[in-house]
Amino acid sequence: MASDGIRDQVAIVGMGCTKFGEHWDRSIDDLLIDAVDECVASVPGFERKQVDAYWLGTMGSGTSGLTLSRPLKIDYKPVTRVENYCATGSEAFRNACYAVASGAYDCVMAVGGEKLKDSGYSGLVVPPPINDGTASEPTAPAMFSLLAPAYVKKYGISDEQLKEVMTRIAWKNHRNGALNERAQFRSEVAKETIARSPIVGSLGIFDCCFTPTELVLMEDLGFSERGQGWQDVLDGVFDLDGELPVNPDGGLKSFGHPIGASGLRMLFECWLQFRGEAGERQLSDPQIGLTHNLGGQPGACVSFVSIVGAGRDG
């Protein structure tokens, strides 16, 4: 891998994002059209015909590039559909970036969308990969709940301490999401309510989607020393007004997780923050942002990390 990758070779010039929610009265076509229209409108004087190629991220809301080309009536422009577990939206972004960096195209668009409940199922239902029949098929909450006792055992903290940490992570994210007009869940939740919520395995209801993951990732990404992330959480390091704000938009806890859209939604928050357009959750002069997706299950994951900058120096 080149030491500098594609740094300074690609710029995000426009973005759009629909409000997240169940949207019973809207189809995936409606959401894709609205998101693309908002993206185009964010660039003064820009027209959609200037886009050379498209990348679409979706897991279960369509197959092939036709999922995007039909509702947008895209003719004679390449449309590529990608899927990579929970990193699907980010994968669309990555491919679009490298297409520009390679010189293949001047202007491209990455689009992510998902209508999970249009499948007829409630929640994220993923068929298991082909195996010899001996593999277990636990639910996503069951799989990620395994992180909690493993962390307790490895670092010697108590179950009660970890419960306090997970409660604070959920509280922080819901508090941030309450400030975001595009979030699905826009209510602050008291720590007492979170702590006393019904249990799913070793997690509470308000720990889904998966507060132990955020704790572990703070250490995996190097933001906390190994075994110290729990203390940094309690100290408020990752709060909106902390030393290193994490999920200032509310994260998956406030948005839910439409697979094809989540990665791009994270980048959209960076876009707003860099432009000073994040409203009540606006950070003070942010110059660099990081997004991260983790997909799959503990022990068999895909991971995506992007580092983006404000680019004010040209």
C-alpha atoms as a PDB file:
ATOM      1  CA  MET A   1       0.000   0.000   0.000  1.00  0.00           C
ATOM      2  CA  ALA A   2       1.293   3.445  -0.890  1.00  0.00           C
ATOM      3  CA  SER A   3       2.333   5.419   2.168  1.00  0.00           C
ATOM      4  CA  ASP A   4       0.014   8.332   1.398  1.00  0.00           C
ATOM      5  CA  GLY A   5      -2.749   6.362  -0.327  1.00  0.00           C
ATOM      6  CA  ILE A   6      -5.024   8.760  -2.217  1.00  0.00           C
ATOM      7  CA  ARG A   7      -4.514  11.699   0.100  1.00  0.00           C
ATOM      8  CA  ASP A   8      -5.372  15.030  -1.593  1.00  0.00           C
ATOM      9  CA  GLN A   9      -6.316  13.277  -4.840  1.00  0.00           C
ATOM     10  CA  VAL A  10     -10.084  13.191  -4.257  1.00  0.00           C
ATOM     11  CA  ALA A  11     -12.513  15.798  -2.903  1.00  0.00           C
ATOM     12  CA  ILE A  12     -16.081  15.406  -1.697  1.00  0.00           C
ATOM     13  CA  VAL A  13     -17.839  18.365  -3.280  1.00  0.00           C
ATOM     14  CA  GLY A  14     -21.453  17.578  -2.390  1.00  0.00           C
ATOM     15  CA  MET A  15     -23.531  15.334  -0.132  1.00  0.00           C
ATOM     16  CA  GLY A  16     -27.147  14.643   0.744  1.00  0.00           C
ATOM     17  CA  CYS A  17     -28.929  12.519   3.343  1.00  0.00           C
ATOM     18  CA  THR A  18     -32.580  11.668   3.942  1.00  0.00           C
ATOM     19  CA  LYS A  19     -34.099  11.502   7.399  1.00  0.00           C
ATOM     20  CA  PHE A  20     -33.728   8.007   8.847  1.00  0.00           C
ATOM     21  CA  GLY A  21     -36.813   6.091   9.922  1.00  0.00           C
ATOM     22  CA  GLU A  22     -39.134   3.239   9.012  1.00  0.00           C
ATOM     23  CA  HIS A  23     -40.766   5.233   6.156  1.00  0.00           C
ATOM     24  CA  TRP A  24     -43.705   2.896   5.617  1.00  0.00           C
ATOM     25  CA  ASP A  25     -45.074   5.170   2.884  1.00  0.00           C
ATOM     26  CA  ARG A  26     -41.837   5.431   0.887  1.00  0.00           C
ATOM     27  CA  SER A  27     -39.947   2.936  -1.246  1.00  0.00           C
ATOM     28  CA  ILE A  28     -36.226   2.452  -1.692  1.00  0.00           C
ATOM     29  CA  ASP A  29     -36.663   4.254  -5.022  1.00  0.00           C
ATOM     30  CA  ASP A  30     -38.085   7.309  -3.228  1.00  0.00           C
ATOM     31  CA  LEU A  31     -35.223   7.401  -0.732  1.00  0.00           C
ATOM     32  CA  LEU A  32     -32.524   7.026  -3.379  1.00  0.00           C
ATOM     33  CA  ILE A  33     -34.035   9.788  -5.519  1.00  0.00           C
ATOM     34  CA  ASP A  34     -34.339  12.168  -2.568  1.00  0.00           C
ATOM     35  CA  ALA A  35     -30.779  11.532  -1.393  1.00  0.00           C
ATOM     36  CA  VAL A  36     -29.311  12.043  -4.868  1.00  0.00           C
ATOM     37  CA  ASP A  37     -31.379  15.181  -5.460  1.00  0.00           C
ATOM     38  CA  GLU A  38     -30.217  16.660  -2.146  1.00  0.00           C
ATOM     39  CA  CYS A  39     -26.603  15.841  -3.004  1.00  0.00           C
ATOM     40  CA  VAL A  40     -26.852  17.560  -6.390  1.00  0.00           C
ATOM     41  CA  ALA A  41     -28.572  20.587  -4.846  1.00  0.00           C
ATOM     42  CA  SER A  42     -25.733  20.989  -2.329  1.00  0.00           C
ATOM     43  CA  VAL A  43     -23.375  22.090  -5.130  1.00  0.00           C
ATOM     44  CA  PRO A  44     -24.390  25.445  -6.683  1.00  0.00           C
ATOM     45  CA  GLY A  45     -24.685  25.237 -10.453  1.00  0.00           C
ATOM     46  CA  PHE A  46     -24.095  21.474 -10.559  1.00  0.00           C
ATOM     47  CA  GLU A  47     -26.239  19.183 -12.713  1.00  0.00           C
ATOM     48  CA  ARG A  48     -26.611  15.425 -12.416  1.00  0.00           C
ATOM     49  CA  LYS A  49     -25.556  14.918 -16.031  1.00  0.00           C
ATOM     50  CA  GLN A  50     -22.043  15.901 -14.932  1.00  0.00           C
ATOM     51  CA  VAL A  51     -21.712  12.655 -12.935  1.00  0.00           C
ATOM     52  CA  ASP A  52     -19.611  10.170 -14.926  1.00  0.00           C
ATOM     53  CA  ALA A  53     -20.358   7.007 -12.934  1.00  0.00           C
ATOM     54  CA  TYR A  54     -22.171   5.754  -9.830  1.00  0.00           C
ATOM     55  CA  TRP A  55     -21.534   3.263  -7.055  1.00  0.00           C
ATOM     56  CA  LEU A  56     -24.507   1.971  -5.065  1.00  0.00           C
ATOM     57  CA  GLY A  57     -24.229   0.290  -1.683  1.00  0.00           C
ATOM     58  CA  THR A  58     -27.130  -1.923  -0.632  1.00  0.00           C
ATOM     59  CA  MET A  59     -27.315  -5.314   1.009  1.00  0.00           C
ATOM     60  CA  GLY A  60     -30.886  -6.487   0.543  1.00  0.00           C
ATOM     61  CA  SER A  61     -32.818  -3.736  -1.215  1.00  0.00           C
ATOM     62  CA  GLY A  62     -31.938  -4.682  -4.757  1.00  0.00           C
ATOM     63  CA  THR A  63     -29.529  -6.488  -7.013  1.00  0.00           C
ATOM     64  CA  SER A  64     -27.273  -4.991  -9.674  1.00  0.00           C
ATOM     65  CA  GLY A  65     -26.882  -1.359 -10.656  1.00  0.00           C
ATOM     66  CA  LEU A  66     -30.463  -1.357 -11.916  1.00  0.00           C
ATOM     67  CA  THR A  67     -31.542  -0.652  -8.336  1.00  0.00           C
ATOM     68  CA  LEU A  68     -30.243   2.892  -8.859  1.00  0.00           C
ATOM     69  CA  SER A  69     -30.340   3.373 -12.615  1.00  0.00           C
ATOM     70  CA  ARG A  70     -34.060   2.657 -12.953  1.00  0.00           C
ATOM     71  CA  PRO A  71     -35.462   5.150 -10.411  1.00  0.00           C
ATOM     72  CA  LEU A  72     -32.946   7.819 -11.450  1.00  0.00           C
ATOM     73  CA  LYS A  73     -33.434   7.068 -15.154  1.00  0.00           C
ATOM     74  CA  ILE A  74     -29.671   6.880 -15.656  1.00  0.00           C
ATOM     75  CA  ASP A  75     -28.789   6.113 -19.264  1.00  0.00           C
ATOM     76  CA  TYR A  76     -25.348   5.305 -20.666  1.00  0.00           C
ATOM     77  CA  LYS A  77     -23.564   5.810 -17.353  1.00  0.00           C
ATOM     78  CA  PRO A  78     -21.974   2.890 -15.451  1.00  0.00           C
ATOM     79  CA  VAL A  79     -23.684   1.985 -12.173  1.00  0.00           C
ATOM     80  CA  THR A  80     -21.977  -0.566  -9.911  1.00  0.00           C
ATOM     81  CA  ARG A  81     -23.712  -2.176  -6.953  1.00  0.00           C
ATOM     82  CA  VAL A  82     -21.497  -3.323  -4.049  1.00  0.00           C
ATOM     83  CA  GLU A  83     -22.114  -5.167  -0.784  1.00  0.00           C
ATOM     84  CA  ASN A  84     -19.765  -5.752   2.146  1.00  0.00           C
ATOM     85  CA  TYR A  85     -21.809  -6.455   5.288  1.00  0.00           C
ATOM     86  CA  CYS A  86     -22.152  -3.368   7.497  1.00  0.00           C
ATOM     87  CA  ALA A  87     -19.404  -1.605   5.544  1.00  0.00           C
ATOM     88  CA  THR A  88     -21.528  -1.615   2.383  1.00  0.00           C
ATOM     89  CA  GLY A  89     -22.090   2.156   2.162  1.00  0.00           C
ATOM     90  CA  SER A  90     -18.435   2.804   2.902  1.00  0.00           C
ATOM     91  CA  GLU A  91     -17.464   0.296   0.234  1.00  0.00           C
ATOM     92  CA  ALA A  92     -19.417   2.293  -2.345  1.00  0.00           C
ATOM     93  CA  PHE A  93     -17.539   5.399  -1.209  1.00  0.00           C
ATOM     94  CA  ARG A  94     -14.148   3.675  -1.359  1.00  0.00           C
ATOM     95  CA  ASN A  95     -14.697   2.406  -4.893  1.00  0.00           C
ATOM     96  CA  ALA A  96     -15.924   5.806  -6.054  1.00  0.00           C
ATOM     97  CA  CYS A  97     -12.855   7.501  -4.565  1.00  0.00           C
ATOM     98  CA  TYR A  98     -10.411   5.156  -6.234  1.00  0.00           C
ATOM     99  CA  ALA A  99     -12.193   5.592  -9.576  1.00  0.00           C
ATOM    100  CA  VAL A 100     -11.444   9.327  -9.430  1.00  0.00           C
ATOM    101  CA  ALA A 101      -7.942   8.903  -8.021  1.00  0.00           C
ATOM    102  CA  SER A 102      -7.057   6.526 -10.860  1.00  0.00           C
ATOM    103  CA  GLY A 103      -8.035   9.107 -13.443  1.00  0.00           C
ATOM    104  CA  ALA A 104     -10.799   6.936 -14.870  1.00  0.00           C
ATOM    105  CA  TYR A 105     -13.446   9.570 -14.091  1.00  0.00           C
ATOM    106  CA  ASP A 106     -13.591  13.232 -13.119  1.00  0.00           C
ATOM    107  CA  CYS A 107     -16.839  13.196 -11.123  1.00  0.00           C
ATOM    108  CA  VAL A 108     -18.608  10.211  -9.576  1.00  0.00           C
ATOM    109  CA  MET A 109     -21.278   9.592  -6.965  1.00  0.00           C
ATOM    110  CA  ALA A 110     -21.508   7.041  -4.147  1.00  0.00           C
ATOM    111  CA  VAL A 111     -25.045   6.283  -3.001  1.00  0.00           C
ATOM    112  CA  GLY A 112     -26.263   4.081  -0.151  1.00  0.00           C
ATOM    113  CA  GLY A 113     -29.770   2.917   0.623  1.00  0.00           C
ATOM    114  CA  GLU A 114     -31.686   0.209   2.459  1.00  0.00           C
ATOM    115  CA  LYS A 115     -35.290  -0.604   3.351  1.00  0.00           C
ATOM    116  CA  LEU A 116     -34.806  -3.584   5.655  1.00  0.00           C
ATOM    117  CA  LYS A 117     -38.450  -3.975   6.649  1.00  0.00           C
ATOM    118  CA  ASP A 118     -39.536  -4.108   3.018  1.00  0.00           C
ATOM    119  CA  SER A 119     -38.081  -7.624   3.081  1.00  0.00           C
ATOM    120  CA  GLY A 120     -40.949  -8.772   5.287  1.00  0.00           C
ATOM    121  CA  TYR A 121     -38.656  -9.388   8.249  1.00  0.00           C
ATOM    122  CA  SER A 122     -38.222  -7.313  11.375  1.00  0.00           C
ATOM    123  CA  GLY A 123     -34.636  -6.495  12.185  1.00  0.00           C
ATOM    124  CA  LEU A 124     -31.487  -7.619  10.410  1.00  0.00           C
ATOM    125  CA  VAL A 125     -31.915 -11.132   9.078  1.00  0.00           C
ATOM    126  CA  VAL A 126     -28.923 -12.460   7.152  1.00  0.00           C
ATOM    127  CA  PRO A 127     -28.783 -15.992   5.738  1.00  0.00           C
ATOM    128  CA  PRO A 128     -25.704 -17.833   7.035  1.00  0.00           C
ATOM    129  CA  PRO A 129     -22.888 -18.607   4.603  1.00  0.00           C
ATOM    130  CA  ILE A 130     -22.630 -22.134   3.291  1.00  0.00           C
ATOM    131  CA  ASN A 131     -21.053 -24.386   5.932  1.00  0.00           C
ATOM    132  CA  ASP A 132     -20.921 -28.014   7.010  1.00  0.00           C
ATOM    133  CA  GLY A 133     -24.031 -27.670   9.153  1.00  0.00           C
ATOM    134  CA  THR A 134     -22.249 -27.590  12.506  1.00  0.00           C
ATOM    135  CA  ALA A 135     -21.968 -23.802  12.815  1.00  0.00           C
ATOM    136  CA  SER A 136     -24.327 -22.145  15.269  1.00  0.00           C
ATOM    137  CA  GLU A 137     -26.592 -19.307  14.131  1.00  0.00           C
ATOM    138  CA  PRO A 138     -26.910 -16.888  17.056  1.00  0.00           C
ATOM    139  CA  THR A 139     -28.652 -13.559  16.623  1.00  0.00           C
ATOM    140  CA  ALA A 140     -26.629 -10.379  16.229  1.00  0.00           C
ATOM    141  CA  PRO A 141     -27.329  -9.253  19.842  1.00  0.00           C
ATOM    142  CA  ALA A 142     -26.222 -12.669  21.083  1.00  0.00           C
ATOM    143  CA  MET A 143     -22.987 -12.547  19.098  1.00  0.00           C
ATOM    144  CA  PHE A 144     -21.982  -9.046  20.162  1.00  0.00           C
ATOM    145  CA  SER A 145     -23.004  -9.657  23.759  1.00  0.00           C
ATOM    146  CA  LEU A 146     -20.000 -11.986  23.971  1.00  0.00           C
ATOM    147  CA  LEU A 147     -17.731  -8.935  23.975  1.00  0.00           C
ATOM    148  CA  ALA A 148     -18.923  -7.856  27.414  1.00  0.00           C
ATOM    149  CA  PRO A 149     -17.854 -10.862  29.535  1.00  0.00           C
ATOM    150  CA  ALA A 150     -14.661 -11.207  27.483  1.00  0.00           C
ATOM    151  CA  TYR A 151     -13.676  -7.598  28.278  1.00  0.00           C
ATOM    152  CA  VAL A 152     -14.451  -8.092  31.972  1.00  0.00           C
ATOM    153  CA  LYS A 153     -12.315 -11.224  32.133  1.00  0.00           C
ATOM    154  CA  LYS A 154      -9.387  -9.778  30.173  1.00  0.00           C
ATOM    155  CA  TYR A 155      -9.044  -6.495  32.033  1.00  0.00           C
ATOM    156  CA  GLY A 156     -10.266  -7.408  35.488  1.00  0.00           C
ATOM    157  CA  ILE A 157     -13.067  -4.883  35.863  1.00  0.00           C
ATOM    158  CA  SER A 158     -16.327  -5.851  37.497  1.00  0.00           C
ATOM    159  CA  ASP A 159     -19.619  -6.605  35.787  1.00  0.00           C
ATOM    160  CA  GLU A 160     -21.055  -3.582  37.589  1.00  0.00           C
ATOM    161  CA  GLN A 161     -18.350  -1.287  36.236  1.00  0.00           C
ATOM    162  CA  LEU A 162     -18.883  -2.504  32.679  1.00  0.00           C
ATOM    163  CA  LYS A 163     -22.633  -2.018  33.056  1.00  0.00           C
ATOM    164  CA  GLU A 164     -22.003   1.587  34.035  1.00  0.00           C
ATOM    165  CA  VAL A 165     -19.710   2.046  31.029  1.00  0.00           C
ATOM    166  CA  MET A 166     -22.199   0.566  28.538  1.00  0.00           C
ATOM    167  CA  THR A 167     -24.977   2.668  30.042  1.00  0.00           C
ATOM    168  CA  ARG A 168     -22.933   5.816  29.558  1.00  0.00           C
ATOM    169  CA  ILE A 169     -22.151   4.951  25.931  1.00  0.00           C
ATOM    170  CA  ALA A 170     -25.851   4.509  25.153  1.00  0.00           C
ATOM    171  CA  TRP A 171     -26.755   7.669  27.094  1.00  0.00           C
ATOM    172  CA  LYS A 172     -24.120   9.710  25.246  1.00  0.00           C
ATOM    173  CA  ASN A 173     -25.249   8.573  21.803  1.00  0.00           C
ATOM    174  CA  HIS A 174     -28.946   9.178  22.462  1.00  0.00           C
ATOM    175  CA  ARG A 175     -28.106  12.585  23.879  1.00  0.00           C
ATOM    176  CA  ASN A 176     -26.228  13.485  20.684  1.00  0.00           C
ATOM    177  CA  GLY A 177     -28.963  12.069  18.466  1.00  0.00           C
ATOM    178  CA  ALA A 178     -31.571  14.235  20.157  1.00  0.00           C
ATOM    179  CA  LEU A 179     -29.811  17.195  18.507  1.00  0.00           C
ATOM    180  CA  ASN A 180     -29.961  15.695  15.007  1.00  0.00           C
ATOM    181  CA  GLU A 181     -32.984  16.358  12.837  1.00  0.00           C
ATOM    182  CA  ARG A 182     -32.158  13.405  10.542  1.00  0.00           C
ATOM    183  CA  ALA A 183     -31.950  10.826  13.350  1.00  0.00           C
ATOM    184  CA  GLN A 184     -34.663   8.213  13.759  1.00  0.00           C
ATOM    185  CA  PHE A 185     -34.653   8.355  17.567  1.00  0.00           C
ATOM    186  CA  ARG A 186     -34.483  11.918  18.849  1.00  0.00           C
ATOM    187  CA  SER A 187     -35.060  11.540  22.567  1.00  0.00           C
ATOM    188  CA  GLU A 188     -32.560  11.664  25.379  1.00  0.00           C
ATOM    189  CA  VAL A 189     -32.774   8.589  27.581  1.00  0.00           C
ATOM    190  CA  ALA A 190     -31.997   8.751  31.294  1.00  0.00           C
ATOM    191  CA  LYS A 191     -29.129   6.599  32.539  1.00  0.00           C
ATOM    192  CA  GLU A 192     -31.481   4.983  35.054  1.00  0.00           C
ATOM    193  CA  THR A 193     -33.834   3.910  32.242  1.00  0.00           C
ATOM    194  CA  ILE A 194     -30.975   2.479  30.217  1.00  0.00           C
ATOM    195  CA  ALA A 195     -29.508   0.610  33.186  1.00  0.00           C
ATOM    196  CA  ARG A 196     -32.856  -0.980  34.091  1.00  0.00           C
ATOM    197  CA  SER A 197     -33.923  -1.959  30.579  1.00  0.00           C
ATOM    198  CA  PRO A 198     -34.819  -5.615  29.812  1.00  0.00           C
ATOM    199  CA  ILE A 199     -31.881  -7.934  29.287  1.00  0.00           C
ATOM    200  CA  VAL A 200     -30.941  -9.615  25.994  1.00  0.00           C
ATOM    201  CA  GLY A 201     -28.164 -12.050  26.831  1.00  0.00           C
ATOM    202  CA  SER A 202     -25.608  -9.936  28.706  1.00  0.00           C
ATOM    203  CA  LEU A 203     -26.881  -6.738  27.076  1.00  0.00           C
ATOM    204  CA  GLY A 204     -29.777  -4.480  27.896  1.00  0.00           C
ATOM    205  CA  ILE A 205     -32.253  -3.353  25.246  1.00  0.00           C
ATOM    206  CA  PHE A 206     -30.529   0.038  25.085  1.00  0.00           C
ATOM    207  CA  ASP A 207     -27.176  -1.645  24.442  1.00  0.00           C
ATOM    208  CA  CYS A 208     -28.422  -2.629  20.914  1.00  0.00           C
ATOM    209  CA  CYS A 209     -26.783  -1.829  18.547  1.00  0.00           C
ATOM    210  CA  PHE A 210     -24.067  -3.035  20.652  1.00  0.00           C
ATOM    211  CA  THR A 211     -22.447  -0.615  23.105  1.00  0.00           C
ATOM    212  CA  PRO A 212     -19.583  -3.023  23.999  1.00  0.00           C
ATOM    213  CA  THR A 213     -18.437  -2.646  20.380  1.00  0.00           C
ATOM    214  CA  GLU A 214     -17.902   1.090  20.751  1.00  0.00           C
ATOM    215  CA  LEU A 215     -15.849   0.481  23.891  1.00  0.00           C
ATOM    216  CA  VAL A 216     -13.624  -2.111  22.204  1.00  0.00           C
ATOM    217  CA  LEU A 217     -13.215   0.010  19.075  1.00  0.00           C
ATOM    218  CA  MET A 218     -11.907   2.954  21.060  1.00  0.00           C
ATOM    219  CA  GLU A 219      -8.993   0.722  22.010  1.00  0.00           C
ATOM    220  CA  ASP A 220      -8.667  -0.962  18.593  1.00  0.00           C
ATOM    221  CA  LEU A 221      -8.398   2.450  16.929  1.00  0.00           C
ATOM    222  CA  GLY A 222      -5.782   3.611  19.414  1.00  0.00           C
ATOM    223  CA  PHE A 223      -7.912   6.326  21.023  1.00  0.00           C
ATOM    224  CA  SER A 224      -7.532   4.582  24.392  1.00  0.00           C
ATOM    225  CA  GLU A 225      -4.818   2.366  25.803  1.00  0.00           C
ATOM    226  CA  ARG A 226      -5.691  -1.332  25.984  1.00  0.00           C
ATOM    227  CA  GLY A 227      -7.794  -1.934  29.058  1.00  0.00           C
ATOM    228  CA  GLN A 228      -8.331   1.805  29.671  1.00  0.00           C
ATOM    229  CA  GLY A 229     -11.180   2.554  27.296  1.00  0.00           C
ATOM    230  CA  TRP A 230     -13.783   1.945  29.977  1.00  0.00           C
ATOM    231  CA  GLN A 231     -12.247   4.641  32.193  1.00  0.00           C
ATOM    232  CA  ASP A 232     -12.059   7.099  29.286  1.00  0.00           C
ATOM    233  CA  VAL A 233     -15.763   6.551  28.660  1.00  0.00           C
ATOM    234  CA  LEU A 234     -16.617   7.300  32.276  1.00  0.00           C
ATOM    235  CA  ASP A 235     -14.338  10.368  32.219  1.00  0.00           C
ATOM    236  CA  GLY A 236     -16.298  11.833  29.297  1.00  0.00           C
ATOM    237  CA  VAL A 237     -13.420  11.763  26.820  1.00  0.00           C
ATOM    238  CA  PHE A 238     -15.766  10.766  23.972  1.00  0.00           C
ATOM    239  CA  ASP A 239     -18.645  13.104  24.860  1.00  0.00           C
ATOM    240  CA  LEU A 240     -19.711  15.894  22.519  1.00  0.00           C
ATOM    241  CA  ASP A 241     -17.779  18.373  24.652  1.00  0.00           C
ATOM    242  CA  GLY A 242     -14.988  15.925  25.445  1.00  0.00           C
ATOM    243  CA  GLU A 243     -11.416  15.685  24.225  1.00  0.00           C
ATOM    244  CA  LEU A 244     -12.334  13.336  21.363  1.00  0.00           C
ATOM    245  CA  PRO A 245     -16.054  13.412  20.442  1.00  0.00           C
ATOM    246  CA  VAL A 246     -17.350  10.099  19.095  1.00  0.00           C
ATOM    247  CA  ASN A 247     -20.644   9.795  17.223  1.00  0.00           C
ATOM    248  CA  PRO A 248     -21.543  13.483  17.482  1.00  0.00           C
ATOM    249  CA  ASP A 249     -24.552  12.756  15.258  1.00  0.00           C
ATOM    250  CA  GLY A 250     -25.897  10.036  17.562  1.00  0.00           C
ATOM    251  CA  GLY A 251     -24.462   7.005  15.780  1.00  0.00           C
ATOM    252  CA  LEU A 252     -26.337   3.785  15.120  1.00  0.00           C
ATOM    253  CA  LYS A 253     -28.061   4.098  18.492  1.00  0.00           C
ATOM    254  CA  SER A 254     -29.979   7.122  17.224  1.00  0.00           C
ATOM    255  CA  PHE A 255     -30.214   6.264  13.526  1.00  0.00           C
ATOM    256  CA  GLY A 256     -30.707   2.525  13.396  1.00  0.00           C
ATOM    257  CA  HIS A 257     -28.670   0.599  10.861  1.00  0.00           C
ATOM    258  CA  PRO A 258     -29.873   0.445   7.242  1.00  0.00           C
ATOM    259  CA  ILE A 259     -26.860  -1.469   6.006  1.00  0.00           C
ATOM    260  CA  GLY A 260     -26.261   0.236   2.676  1.00  0.00           C
ATOM    261  CA  ALA A 261     -26.634   3.735   4.086  1.00  0.00           C
ATOM    262  CA  SER A 262     -24.790   3.774   7.435  1.00  0.00           C
ATOM    263  CA  GLY A 263     -21.231   4.252   6.187  1.00  0.00           C
ATOM    264  CA  LEU A 264     -22.180   7.201   3.998  1.00  0.00           C
ATOM    265  CA  ARG A 265     -24.281   8.676   6.784  1.00  0.00           C
ATOM    266  CA  MET A 266     -21.160   8.749   8.954  1.00  0.00           C
ATOM    267  CA  LEU A 267     -19.266  10.609   6.241  1.00  0.00           C
ATOM    268  CA  PHE A 268     -22.180  13.018   5.902  1.00  0.00           C
ATOM    269  CA  GLU A 269     -21.677  14.042   9.536  1.00  0.00           C
ATOM    270  CA  CYS A 270     -18.022  14.815   8.788  1.00  0.00           C
ATOM    271  CA  TRP A 271     -19.202  16.885   5.814  1.00  0.00           C
ATOM    272  CA  LEU A 272     -21.581  18.900   8.001  1.00  0.00           C
ATOM    273  CA  GLN A 273     -19.022  19.393  10.756  1.00  0.00           C
ATOM    274  CA  PHE A 274     -16.332  20.603   8.345  1.00  0.00           C
ATOM    275  CA  ARG A 275     -18.776  23.097   6.835  1.00  0.00           C
ATOM    276  CA  GLY A 276     -19.965  24.340  10.225  1.00  0.00           C
ATOM    277  CA  GLU A 277     -23.502  23.132   9.484  1.00  0.00           C
ATOM    278  CA  ALA A 278     -24.064  20.640  12.316  1.00  0.00           C
ATOM    279  CA  GLY A 279     -26.272  22.931  14.373  1.00  0.00           C
ATOM    280  CA  GLU A 280     -26.402  22.371  18.132  1.00  0.00           C
ATOM    281  CA  ARG A 281     -23.883  19.524  17.933  1.00  0.00           C
ATOM    282  CA  GLN A 282     -21.318  21.561  15.977  1.00  0.00           C
ATOM    283  CA  LEU A 283     -17.748  20.994  17.125  1.00  0.00           C
ATOM    284  CA  SER A 284     -15.207  23.784  17.384  1.00  0.00           C
ATOM    285  CA  ASP A 285     -13.272  24.098  14.092  1.00  0.00           C
ATOM    286  CA  PRO A 286     -12.868  20.384  13.221  1.00  0.00           C
ATOM    287  CA  GLN A 287     -10.080  19.709  10.717  1.00  0.00           C
ATOM    288  CA  ILE A 288      -9.986  15.919  10.567  1.00  0.00           C
ATOM    289  CA  GLY A 289     -12.564  13.156  10.941  1.00  0.00           C
ATOM    290  CA  LEU A 290     -12.584   9.373  11.063  1.00  0.00           C
ATOM    291  CA  THR A 291     -15.376   6.973  10.199  1.00  0.00           C
ATOM    292  CA  HIS A 292     -15.450   3.280  10.991  1.00  0.00           C
ATOM    293  CA  ASN A 293     -17.707   0.364  10.116  1.00  0.00           C
ATOM    294  CA  LEU A 294     -17.531  -3.098  11.591  1.00  0.00           C
ATOM    295  CA  GLY A 295     -19.474  -5.879   9.901  1.00  0.00           C
ATOM    296  CA  GLY A 296     -19.934  -9.589  10.356  1.00  0.00           C
ATOM    297  CA  GLN A 297     -19.534 -11.027  13.836  1.00  0.00           C
ATOM    298  CA  PRO A 298     -16.852 -11.311  16.530  1.00  0.00           C
ATOM    299  CA  GLY A 299     -14.059 -13.409  15.098  1.00  0.00           C
ATOM    300  CA  ALA A 300     -15.216 -13.020  11.486  1.00  0.00           C
ATOM    301  CA  CYS A 301     -15.403  -9.323  10.716  1.00  0.00           C
ATOM    302  CA  VAL A 302     -14.946  -6.889   7.884  1.00  0.00           C
ATOM    303  CA  SER A 303     -13.735  -3.436   8.837  1.00  0.00           C
ATOM    304  CA  PHE A 304     -13.596  -0.072   7.107  1.00  0.00           C
ATOM    305  CA  VAL A 305     -11.770   3.036   8.279  1.00  0.00           C
ATOM    306  CA  SER A 306     -11.664   6.364   6.464  1.00  0.00           C
ATOM    307  CA  ILE A 307      -9.796   9.495   7.471  1.00  0.00           C
ATOM    308  CA  VAL A 308     -11.063  12.692   5.912  1.00  0.00           C
ATOM    309  CA  GLY A 309      -9.979  16.301   6.262  1.00  0.00           C
ATOM    310  CA  ALA A 310     -11.623  19.685   5.904  1.00  0.00           C
ATOM    311  CA  GLY A 311      -9.364  20.521   2.961  1.00  0.00           C
ATOM    312  CA  ARG A 312      -9.429  24.248   3.547  1.00  0.00           C
ATOM    313  CA  ASP A 313      -5.886  24.672   2.291  1.00  0.00           C
ATOM    314  CA  GLY A 314      -6.902  23.489  -1.175  1.00  0.00           C
END
